[in-house]
Amino acid sequence: RSQPGTCGELLELVCQPMDPHPAATTQTWVDHLNQQIQNFGHRPRRVYVIINPTCGSSSGWNTWIKVEPFFVLAHVHTEVIVTQRRFHAREIMQSLDLTLYDGVILVGGDGLFNEAINGLILQAQQSAGINIRRSRFVPVQPNIRLGIIPAGFLNSIAWSILGTKCPLTAAAQILTMLWSLKNQLELFLVVCLVEQVQICFCVC
C-alpha cells in the first residue's frame, strides 16, 4: 500500500486468499471483482441504449449483441430501443425522461451521435423555457452522460472521444473509470425557419 504524498497514493494492494479447487477459486474471484465493481460510486447502473440498425454495414444490432455481455456481467440494467427512421434518435432524446437513467449509450456511427446530441440539447432548452430561435441565448447544459459504441463506417466521434473504434474497448471504457471523465463539445446553432433547427458541434 502506498504512502500518502507519493506518486502512487491512489493505489492499494489487496491480497485475496486462493482456494485450492479451480472452480471455487474462479467463483471467489468473480464474487470479489463484482464487489469491487459495486463499490465504484461513479459507475452507471441503469442506462438507455439507442441502436441504429442500418449504420455501417447494417451492423448496429450485431455490435450490441457482442458488447451486451459486458453490461450483464457488470450488473448494469439496459433498456434498448432500435431506431426506425431518420431523426428517430433525435425524437427519442427530446422526449426521454433522463431522470430514470444514469446515461445513454449510442450504438451506431457519427450520424446517430449527431441526432442524439441535437435531441438532448433541444430538450434541455425547451425544459428551461428557452426559445432557441432567438438570435442569442445562454444554453442550458443537459445533465446526462452519453456513451458511444462505434458501429458505423468512419466512427470519428468515437475515435475523438474514446481513442478507439473497437466496440468491445468502447464498452469496457464506458463501464470503467473513463465513464467519469468529461469531454467538452463546442456547439453552434444553425436555424432554418422552414426545416428543423440543427445543432452542430466539434469535440474538444
C-alpha atoms as a PDB file:
ATOM      1  CA  ARG A   1       0.000   0.000   0.000  1.00  0.00           C
ATOM      2  CA  SER A   2       1.467   3.364  -0.988  1.00  0.00           C
ATOM      3  CA  GLN A   3       2.155   6.147   1.461  1.00  0.00           C
ATOM      4  CA  PRO A   4       0.285   9.479   1.371  1.00  0.00           C
ATOM      5  CA  GLY A   5       2.104  12.065  -0.684  1.00  0.00           C
ATOM      6  CA  THR A   6       3.715   9.569  -3.016  1.00  0.00           C
ATOM      7  CA  CYS A   7       3.014   9.222  -6.730  1.00  0.00           C
ATOM      8  CA  GLY A   8       1.108   6.028  -6.134  1.00  0.00           C
ATOM      9  CA  GLU A   9      -1.128   7.194  -3.317  1.00  0.00           C
ATOM     10  CA  LEU A  10      -4.230   6.128  -5.248  1.00  0.00           C
ATOM     11  CA  LEU A  11      -3.072   2.536  -5.460  1.00  0.00           C
ATOM     12  CA  GLU A  12      -3.688  -0.120  -2.847  1.00  0.00           C
ATOM     13  CA  LEU A  13      -2.574  -3.730  -2.978  1.00  0.00           C
ATOM     14  CA  VAL A  14      -5.109  -6.153  -1.551  1.00  0.00           C
ATOM     15  CA  CYS A  15      -4.268  -9.843  -1.044  1.00  0.00           C
ATOM     16  CA  GLN A  16      -7.072 -12.264  -1.844  1.00  0.00           C
ATOM     17  CA  PRO A  17      -6.712 -15.838  -0.455  1.00  0.00           C
ATOM     18  CA  MET A  18      -6.762 -18.516  -3.168  1.00  0.00           C
ATOM     19  CA  ASP A  19      -8.810 -21.710  -2.992  1.00  0.00           C
ATOM     20  CA  PRO A  20      -7.078 -24.966  -3.993  1.00  0.00           C
ATOM     21  CA  HIS A  21     -10.110 -26.024  -6.059  1.00  0.00           C
ATOM     22  CA  PRO A  22     -10.169 -24.326  -9.517  1.00  0.00           C
ATOM     23  CA  ALA A  23     -13.957 -23.934  -9.752  1.00  0.00           C
ATOM     24  CA  ALA A  24     -14.184 -22.482  -6.263  1.00  0.00           C
ATOM     25  CA  THR A  25     -11.219 -20.204  -6.980  1.00  0.00           C
ATOM     26  CA  THR A  26     -12.894 -18.864 -10.103  1.00  0.00           C
ATOM     27  CA  GLN A  27     -16.129 -18.126  -8.261  1.00  0.00           C
ATOM     28  CA  THR A  28     -14.182 -16.488  -5.439  1.00  0.00           C
ATOM     29  CA  TRP A  29     -12.555 -14.103  -7.885  1.00  0.00           C
ATOM     30  CA  VAL A  30     -15.861 -13.429  -9.637  1.00  0.00           C
ATOM     31  CA  ASP A  31     -17.508 -12.543  -6.338  1.00  0.00           C
ATOM     32  CA  HIS A  32     -14.547 -10.416  -5.281  1.00  0.00           C
ATOM     33  CA  LEU A  33     -14.419  -8.479  -8.546  1.00  0.00           C
ATOM     34  CA  ASN A  34     -18.187  -7.973  -8.577  1.00  0.00           C
ATOM     35  CA  GLN A  35     -17.957  -6.495  -5.100  1.00  0.00           C
ATOM     36  CA  GLN A  36     -15.207  -4.121  -6.218  1.00  0.00           C
ATOM     37  CA  ILE A  37     -17.277  -3.057  -9.220  1.00  0.00           C
ATOM     38  CA  GLN A  38     -20.256  -2.301  -6.986  1.00  0.00           C
ATOM     39  CA  ASN A  39     -18.041  -0.039  -4.895  1.00  0.00           C
ATOM     40  CA  PHE A  40     -17.364   2.305  -7.817  1.00  0.00           C
ATOM     41  CA  GLY A  41     -19.559   5.256  -6.936  1.00  0.00           C
ATOM     42  CA  HIS A  42     -19.483   6.817 -10.399  1.00  0.00           C
ATOM     43  CA  ARG A  43     -20.324   3.717 -12.424  1.00  0.00           C
ATOM     44  CA  PRO A  44     -23.590   3.517 -14.401  1.00  0.00           C
ATOM     45  CA  ARG A  45     -26.263   1.156 -13.112  1.00  0.00           C
ATOM     46  CA  ARG A  46     -29.179   1.843 -15.428  1.00  0.00           C
ATOM     47  CA  VAL A  47     -28.669   3.025 -18.998  1.00  0.00           C
ATOM     48  CA  TYR A  48     -30.831   3.661 -22.029  1.00  0.00           C
ATOM     49  CA  VAL A  49     -29.452   2.155 -25.246  1.00  0.00           C
ATOM     50  CA  ILE A  50     -30.268   3.521 -28.695  1.00  0.00           C
ATOM     51  CA  ILE A  51     -29.249   1.312 -31.627  1.00  0.00           C
ATOM     52  CA  ASN A  52     -29.112   2.316 -35.269  1.00  0.00           C
ATOM     53  CA  PRO A  53     -29.660  -0.983 -37.136  1.00  0.00           C
ATOM     54  CA  THR A  54     -28.676   0.455 -40.528  1.00  0.00           C
ATOM     55  CA  CYS A  55     -25.367   2.061 -39.586  1.00  0.00           C
ATOM     56  CA  GLY A  56     -22.184   0.867 -41.259  1.00  0.00           C
ATOM     57  CA  SER A  57     -22.917  -2.429 -42.954  1.00  0.00           C
ATOM     58  CA  SER A  58     -26.192  -2.759 -41.031  1.00  0.00           C
ATOM     59  CA  SER A  59     -24.102  -3.802 -38.056  1.00  0.00           C
ATOM     60  CA  GLY A  60     -25.718  -1.851 -35.224  1.00  0.00           C
ATOM     61  CA  TRP A  61     -27.668  -4.731 -33.705  1.00  0.00           C
ATOM     62  CA  ASN A  62     -24.854  -7.242 -34.220  1.00  0.00           C
ATOM     63  CA  THR A  63     -22.464  -4.869 -32.476  1.00  0.00           C
ATOM     64  CA  TRP A  64     -24.780  -4.614 -29.488  1.00  0.00           C
ATOM     65  CA  ILE A  65     -25.034  -8.409 -29.274  1.00  0.00           C
ATOM     66  CA  LYS A  66     -21.235  -8.516 -28.954  1.00  0.00           C
ATOM     67  CA  VAL A  67     -20.963  -5.907 -26.195  1.00  0.00           C
ATOM     68  CA  GLU A  68     -24.160  -6.614 -24.227  1.00  0.00           C
ATOM     69  CA  PRO A  69     -22.485  -9.362 -22.118  1.00  0.00           C
ATOM     70  CA  PHE A  70     -20.160  -6.681 -20.698  1.00  0.00           C
ATOM     71  CA  PHE A  71     -23.149  -4.851 -19.252  1.00  0.00           C
ATOM     72  CA  VAL A  72     -24.716  -8.064 -17.965  1.00  0.00           C
ATOM     73  CA  LEU A  73     -21.514  -9.033 -16.161  1.00  0.00           C
ATOM     74  CA  ALA A  74     -21.250  -5.548 -14.686  1.00  0.00           C
ATOM     75  CA  HIS A  75     -24.854  -5.763 -13.428  1.00  0.00           C
ATOM     76  CA  VAL A  76     -25.909  -2.739 -15.444  1.00  0.00           C
ATOM     77  CA  HIS A  77     -29.572  -2.713 -16.410  1.00  0.00           C
ATOM     78  CA  THR A  78     -30.107  -1.746 -20.045  1.00  0.00           C
ATOM     79  CA  GLU A  79     -33.262  -0.585 -21.761  1.00  0.00           C
ATOM     80  CA  VAL A  80     -32.867  -0.950 -25.519  1.00  0.00           C
ATOM     81  CA  ILE A  81     -34.636   0.749 -28.410  1.00  0.00           C
ATOM     82  CA  VAL A  82     -33.881   0.377 -32.122  1.00  0.00           C
ATOM     83  CA  THR A  83     -34.365   3.397 -34.366  1.00  0.00           C
ATOM     84  CA  GLN A  84     -36.903   3.017 -37.157  1.00  0.00           C
ATOM     85  CA  ARG A  85     -36.355   6.092 -39.313  1.00  0.00           C
ATOM     86  CA  ARG A  86     -34.290   9.204 -39.872  1.00  0.00           C
ATOM     87  CA  PHE A  87     -34.333  11.626 -36.918  1.00  0.00           C
ATOM     88  CA  HIS A  88     -35.850   8.925 -34.686  1.00  0.00           C
ATOM     89  CA  ALA A  89     -32.950   9.193 -32.210  1.00  0.00           C
ATOM     90  CA  ARG A  90     -33.449  12.943 -32.080  1.00  0.00           C
ATOM     91  CA  GLU A  91     -37.132  12.479 -31.285  1.00  0.00           C
ATOM     92  CA  ILE A  92     -36.319   9.910 -28.606  1.00  0.00           C
ATOM     93  CA  MET A  93     -33.827  12.181 -26.860  1.00  0.00           C
ATOM     94  CA  GLN A  94     -36.197  15.155 -26.955  1.00  0.00           C
ATOM     95  CA  SER A  95     -38.862  13.237 -25.033  1.00  0.00           C
ATOM     96  CA  LEU A  96     -36.808  10.820 -22.897  1.00  0.00           C
ATOM     97  CA  ASP A  97     -37.172  11.140 -19.122  1.00  0.00           C
ATOM     98  CA  LEU A  98     -33.477  11.496 -18.280  1.00  0.00           C
ATOM     99  CA  THR A  99     -34.083  11.209 -14.533  1.00  0.00           C
ATOM    100  CA  LEU A 100     -34.671   7.463 -14.938  1.00  0.00           C
ATOM    101  CA  TYR A 101     -31.180   6.705 -16.245  1.00  0.00           C
ATOM    102  CA  ASP A 102     -27.521   7.163 -15.357  1.00  0.00           C
ATOM    103  CA  GLY A 103     -26.653   7.597 -19.007  1.00  0.00           C
ATOM    104  CA  VAL A 104     -27.493   6.957 -22.625  1.00  0.00           C
ATOM    105  CA  ILE A 105     -25.482   4.555 -24.780  1.00  0.00           C
ATOM    106  CA  LEU A 106     -25.476   5.066 -28.546  1.00  0.00           C
ATOM    107  CA  VAL A 107     -24.672   2.076 -30.737  1.00  0.00           C
ATOM    108  CA  GLY A 108     -24.015   3.439 -34.191  1.00  0.00           C
ATOM    109  CA  GLY A 109     -21.926   5.899 -36.124  1.00  0.00           C
ATOM    110  CA  ASP A 110     -21.415   9.641 -36.277  1.00  0.00           C
ATOM    111  CA  GLY A 111     -24.933  10.251 -37.606  1.00  0.00           C
ATOM    112  CA  LEU A 112     -26.609   8.642 -34.599  1.00  0.00           C
ATOM    113  CA  PHE A 113     -24.460  10.688 -32.222  1.00  0.00           C
ATOM    114  CA  ASN A 114     -25.366  13.863 -34.118  1.00  0.00           C
ATOM    115  CA  GLU A 115     -29.083  13.130 -33.881  1.00  0.00           C
ATOM    116  CA  ALA A 116     -28.887  12.266 -30.183  1.00  0.00           C
ATOM    117  CA  ILE A 117     -26.904  15.404 -29.321  1.00  0.00           C
ATOM    118  CA  ASN A 118     -29.438  17.553 -31.153  1.00  0.00           C
ATOM    119  CA  GLY A 119     -32.351  15.965 -29.323  1.00  0.00           C
ATOM    120  CA  LEU A 120     -30.599  16.203 -25.970  1.00  0.00           C
ATOM    121  CA  ILE A 121     -29.670  19.874 -26.334  1.00  0.00           C
ATOM    122  CA  LEU A 122     -33.119  20.800 -27.624  1.00  0.00           C
ATOM    123  CA  GLN A 123     -34.805  19.027 -24.696  1.00  0.00           C
ATOM    124  CA  ALA A 124     -32.676  20.926 -22.194  1.00  0.00           C
ATOM    125  CA  GLN A 125     -33.539  24.286 -23.740  1.00  0.00           C
ATOM    126  CA  GLN A 126     -37.235  23.513 -24.052  1.00  0.00           C
ATOM    127  CA  SER A 127     -37.391  22.329 -20.442  1.00  0.00           C
ATOM    128  CA  ALA A 128     -35.828  25.633 -19.397  1.00  0.00           C
ATOM    129  CA  GLY A 129     -38.370  27.607 -21.425  1.00  0.00           C
ATOM    130  CA  ILE A 130     -35.763  28.919 -23.865  1.00  0.00           C
ATOM    131  CA  ASN A 131     -36.790  29.901 -27.372  1.00  0.00           C
ATOM    132  CA  ILE A 132     -33.902  28.547 -29.439  1.00  0.00           C
ATOM    133  CA  ARG A 133     -34.951  30.614 -32.450  1.00  0.00           C
ATOM    134  CA  ARG A 134     -33.957  33.789 -30.674  1.00  0.00           C
ATOM    135  CA  SER A 135     -30.861  35.463 -32.024  1.00  0.00           C
ATOM    136  CA  ARG A 136     -28.944  34.996 -28.778  1.00  0.00           C
ATOM    137  CA  PHE A 137     -29.419  32.930 -25.635  1.00  0.00           C
ATOM    138  CA  VAL A 138     -27.359  31.217 -22.956  1.00  0.00           C
ATOM    139  CA  PRO A 139     -27.803  27.466 -23.455  1.00  0.00           C
ATOM    140  CA  VAL A 140     -28.687  25.159 -20.578  1.00  0.00           C
ATOM    141  CA  GLN A 141     -26.366  22.192 -20.124  1.00  0.00           C
ATOM    142  CA  PRO A 142     -28.054  18.757 -20.135  1.00  0.00           C
ATOM    143  CA  ASN A 143     -27.430  16.671 -17.026  1.00  0.00           C
ATOM    144  CA  ILE A 144     -26.837  13.223 -18.520  1.00  0.00           C
ATOM    145  CA  ARG A 145     -23.873  11.130 -19.654  1.00  0.00           C
ATOM    146  CA  LEU A 146     -23.543   9.952 -23.224  1.00  0.00           C
ATOM    147  CA  GLY A 147     -21.514   6.934 -24.257  1.00  0.00           C
ATOM    148  CA  ILE A 148     -20.891   5.796 -27.801  1.00  0.00           C
ATOM    149  CA  ILE A 149     -20.161   2.288 -29.059  1.00  0.00           C
ATOM    150  CA  PRO A 150     -18.842   2.560 -32.623  1.00  0.00           C
ATOM    151  CA  ALA A 151     -20.729   0.617 -35.274  1.00  0.00           C
ATOM    152  CA  GLY A 152     -20.603   2.925 -38.298  1.00  0.00           C
ATOM    153  CA  PHE A 153     -18.212   3.393 -41.198  1.00  0.00           C
ATOM    154  CA  LEU A 154     -15.901   6.199 -40.002  1.00  0.00           C
ATOM    155  CA  ASN A 155     -16.682   6.380 -36.252  1.00  0.00           C
ATOM    156  CA  SER A 156     -14.867   9.704 -35.992  1.00  0.00           C
ATOM    157  CA  ILE A 157     -16.735  10.747 -32.853  1.00  0.00           C
ATOM    158  CA  ALA A 158     -15.880   7.526 -31.004  1.00  0.00           C
ATOM    159  CA  TRP A 159     -12.243   7.916 -32.017  1.00  0.00           C
ATOM    160  CA  SER A 160     -12.130  11.545 -30.845  1.00  0.00           C
ATOM    161  CA  ILE A 161     -13.809  10.827 -27.504  1.00  0.00           C
ATOM    162  CA  LEU A 162     -12.583   7.335 -26.631  1.00  0.00           C
ATOM    163  CA  GLY A 163      -9.476   6.950 -28.775  1.00  0.00           C
ATOM    164  CA  THR A 164     -10.775   3.686 -30.196  1.00  0.00           C
ATOM    165  CA  LYS A 165     -13.007   2.340 -32.939  1.00  0.00           C
ATOM    166  CA  CYS A 166     -13.306  -1.069 -31.296  1.00  0.00           C
ATOM    167  CA  PRO A 167     -16.811  -1.696 -29.882  1.00  0.00           C
ATOM    168  CA  LEU A 168     -15.545  -4.005 -27.121  1.00  0.00           C
ATOM    169  CA  THR A 169     -12.947  -1.483 -25.956  1.00  0.00           C
ATOM    170  CA  ALA A 170     -15.531   1.291 -26.032  1.00  0.00           C
ATOM    171  CA  ALA A 171     -17.949  -0.764 -23.924  1.00  0.00           C
ATOM    172  CA  ALA A 172     -15.218  -1.542 -21.387  1.00  0.00           C
ATOM    173  CA  GLN A 173     -14.330   2.148 -21.129  1.00  0.00           C
ATOM    174  CA  ILE A 174     -17.947   3.123 -20.593  1.00  0.00           C
ATOM    175  CA  LEU A 175     -18.180   0.648 -17.712  1.00  0.00           C
ATOM    176  CA  THR A 176     -14.955   1.700 -16.007  1.00  0.00           C
ATOM    177  CA  MET A 177     -13.308   4.872 -14.824  1.00  0.00           C
ATOM    178  CA  LEU A 178     -13.448   6.607 -18.187  1.00  0.00           C
ATOM    179  CA  TRP A 179     -17.193   6.999 -17.582  1.00  0.00           C
ATOM    180  CA  SER A 180     -16.274   9.646 -15.027  1.00  0.00           C
ATOM    181  CA  LEU A 181     -14.217  11.675 -17.489  1.00  0.00           C
ATOM    182  CA  LYS A 182     -15.755  14.559 -19.382  1.00  0.00           C
ATOM    183  CA  ASN A 183     -15.289  15.605 -22.979  1.00  0.00           C
ATOM    184  CA  GLN A 184     -16.428  19.069 -23.934  1.00  0.00           C
ATOM    185  CA  LEU A 185     -18.458  19.791 -27.039  1.00  0.00           C
ATOM    186  CA  GLU A 186     -18.226  23.178 -28.687  1.00  0.00           C
ATOM    187  CA  LEU A 187     -21.706  23.899 -30.001  1.00  0.00           C
ATOM    188  CA  PHE A 188     -23.108  26.332 -32.503  1.00  0.00           C
ATOM    189  CA  LEU A 189     -26.644  26.734 -33.753  1.00  0.00           C
ATOM    190  CA  VAL A 190     -27.952  26.743 -37.298  1.00  0.00           C
ATOM    191  CA  VAL A 191     -31.563  27.922 -37.550  1.00  0.00           C
ATOM    192  CA  CYS A 192     -33.732  27.346 -40.612  1.00  0.00           C
ATOM    193  CA  LEU A 193     -37.223  28.826 -40.425  1.00  0.00           C
ATOM    194  CA  VAL A 194     -38.634  26.163 -42.730  1.00  0.00           C
ATOM    195  CA  GLU A 195     -36.931  22.990 -41.514  1.00  0.00           C
ATOM    196  CA  GLN A 196     -35.740  21.771 -38.131  1.00  0.00           C
ATOM    197  CA  VAL A 197     -33.182  23.574 -36.013  1.00  0.00           C
ATOM    198  CA  GLN A 198     -29.778  21.937 -36.387  1.00  0.00           C
ATOM    199  CA  ILE A 199     -27.157  21.996 -33.647  1.00  0.00           C
ATOM    200  CA  CYS A 200     -23.622  21.464 -34.862  1.00  0.00           C
ATOM    201  CA  PHE A 201     -20.626  20.646 -32.696  1.00  0.00           C
ATOM    202  CA  CYS A 202     -16.990  19.753 -32.505  1.00  0.00           C
ATOM    203  CA  VAL A 203     -15.312  17.626 -29.831  1.00  0.00           C
ATOM    204  CA  CYS A 204     -12.745  19.446 -27.670  1.00  0.00           C
END
